């Protein structure tokens, strides 16, 4: 088994514009995903919006710079993630295909294998 991170990207304006019914259906889709994936989901959370982010990087003088927001300005931001344990990429693709962000025009899911150390 290998671990994979599913990064959920989307346009925050689209998420914020959802009606209460759309939000409820969206949340239900995530509940259905975690139920279908069962114990293969070993972690995951929704993230606060990008204005709550803090970015760190070093300047040429070796000082750490702290800034509000993400590293880059982009229309799509990371809205949440799951960590899943799966036998191979095909299994992860089948699982991730159930997420509502895959089916929406304004969002998507990136699958990244985790590096196992030791």
Protein backbone atom coordinates (compact mmCIF):
# COMPACT_ATOMS: atom_id res chain seq x y z
CA UNK A 1 0.00 0.00 0.00
CA UNK A 2 1.10 3.56 -0.66
CA UNK A 3 -0.12 6.86 0.72
CA UNK A 4 -1.45 9.61 -1.54
CA UNK A 5 -2.55 13.17 -0.88
CA UNK A 6 -5.62 14.43 -2.69
CA UNK A 7 -5.36 18.22 -2.92
CA UNK A 8 -8.72 19.83 -3.59
CA UNK A 9 -8.46 23.01 -5.65
CA UNK A 10 -11.19 25.43 -6.53
CA UNK A 11 -12.33 28.98 -6.97
CA UNK A 12 -13.24 30.29 -3.50
CA UNK A 13 -15.73 32.72 -5.03
CA UNK A 14 -17.64 29.77 -6.49
CA UNK A 15 -17.62 27.91 -3.16
CA UNK A 16 -18.77 31.06 -1.32
CA UNK A 17 -21.57 31.60 -3.86
CA UNK A 18 -23.17 28.19 -3.22
CA UNK A 19 -26.73 28.28 -2.01
CA UNK A 20 -27.48 26.49 1.28
CA UNK A 21 -28.90 23.58 -0.74
CA UNK A 22 -25.77 23.39 -2.91
CA UNK A 23 -23.53 23.50 0.16
CA UNK A 24 -25.54 20.73 1.79
CA UNK A 25 -25.28 18.57 -1.36
CA UNK A 26 -21.56 19.33 -1.63
CA UNK A 27 -20.96 18.32 2.00
CA UNK A 28 -23.04 15.16 1.49
CA UNK A 29 -20.81 14.23 -1.45
CA UNK A 30 -17.75 14.42 0.83
CA UNK A 31 -19.50 12.28 3.44
CA UNK A 32 -20.31 9.75 0.70
CA UNK A 33 -16.68 9.81 -0.48
CA UNK A 34 -15.30 9.10 3.00
CA UNK A 35 -17.88 6.34 3.51
CA UNK A 36 -16.98 4.72 0.18
CA UNK A 37 -13.25 5.00 0.84
CA UNK A 38 -13.65 3.66 4.37
CA UNK A 39 -10.41 2.98 6.24
CA UNK A 40 -8.37 3.99 3.19
CA UNK A 41 -8.92 7.62 4.25
CA UNK A 42 -6.35 8.20 6.96
CA UNK A 43 -6.71 11.97 7.22
CA UNK A 44 -8.21 15.06 5.69
CA UNK A 45 -9.68 18.43 6.47
CA UNK A 46 -11.23 21.48 4.90
CA UNK A 47 -8.84 24.44 4.99
CA UNK A 48 -9.62 28.02 5.95
CA UNK A 49 -9.71 30.42 2.99
CA UNK A 50 -6.49 31.92 1.65
CA UNK A 51 -6.77 35.23 3.58
CA UNK A 52 -6.12 33.12 6.71
CA UNK A 53 -2.88 31.72 5.25
CA UNK A 54 0.59 32.78 6.37
CA UNK A 55 3.57 32.23 4.08
CA UNK A 56 7.21 31.96 5.10
CA UNK A 57 10.24 32.29 2.85
CA UNK A 58 13.81 33.45 3.17
CA UNK A 59 15.10 36.61 1.55
CA UNK A 60 18.61 36.86 0.01
CA UNK A 61 19.99 38.20 3.32
CA UNK A 62 18.97 34.98 5.08
CA UNK A 63 16.09 36.55 6.99
CA UNK A 64 12.74 34.81 7.20
CA UNK A 65 9.97 36.90 5.68
CA UNK A 66 6.43 36.40 6.94
CA UNK A 67 3.54 37.45 4.72
CA UNK A 68 -0.21 37.15 4.82
CA UNK A 69 -1.79 34.84 2.28
CA UNK A 70 -0.39 32.08 0.09
CA UNK A 71 2.94 32.14 -1.79
CA UNK A 72 1.34 32.97 -5.14
CA UNK A 73 -1.77 34.78 -6.28
CA UNK A 74 -4.05 32.46 -8.19
CA UNK A 75 -7.73 32.11 -8.98
CA UNK A 76 -7.82 28.54 -7.67
CA UNK A 77 -6.69 27.80 -4.14
CA UNK A 78 -6.31 24.67 -2.04
CA UNK A 79 -9.57 24.24 -0.16
CA UNK A 80 -8.90 20.93 1.54
CA UNK A 81 -7.19 17.59 1.34
CA UNK A 82 -7.45 13.90 2.04
CA UNK A 83 -4.68 11.42 2.70
CA UNK A 84 -5.55 7.96 1.47
CA UNK A 85 -3.83 4.59 1.61
CA UNK A 86 -4.27 2.68 -1.65
CA UNK A 87 -2.72 -0.19 -3.53
CA UNK A 88 -1.92 1.88 -6.63
CA UNK A 89 -2.67 5.06 -8.56
CA UNK A 90 -5.62 3.44 -10.37
CA UNK A 91 -7.34 2.82 -7.03
CA UNK A 92 -6.74 6.43 -5.96
CA UNK A 93 -8.10 7.76 -9.25
CA UNK A 94 -11.24 5.65 -8.82
CA UNK A 95 -11.70 6.99 -5.28
CA UNK A 96 -10.92 10.64 -6.13
CA UNK A 97 -13.31 10.54 -9.10
CA UNK A 98 -16.15 10.44 -6.57
CA UNK A 99 -15.30 13.88 -5.15
CA UNK A 100 -17.65 16.70 -6.18
CA UNK A 101 -14.72 18.96 -7.12
CA UNK A 102 -13.80 16.61 -9.96
CA UNK A 103 -17.22 17.13 -11.54
CA UNK A 104 -17.41 20.93 -11.06
CA UNK A 105 -16.20 23.29 -13.77
CA UNK A 106 -14.47 25.58 -11.23
CA UNK A 107 -12.42 23.05 -9.28
CA UNK A 108 -10.36 19.90 -9.44
CA UNK A 109 -8.30 17.38 -7.49
CA UNK A 110 -4.55 16.82 -7.67
CA UNK A 111 -3.21 13.42 -6.61
CA UNK A 112 0.30 13.35 -5.15
CA UNK A 113 2.10 10.28 -3.80
CA UNK A 114 3.62 10.82 -0.37
CA UNK A 115 7.31 10.05 0.06
CA UNK A 116 7.86 7.25 2.56
CA UNK A 117 11.07 7.78 4.53
CA UNK A 118 12.81 4.91 6.26
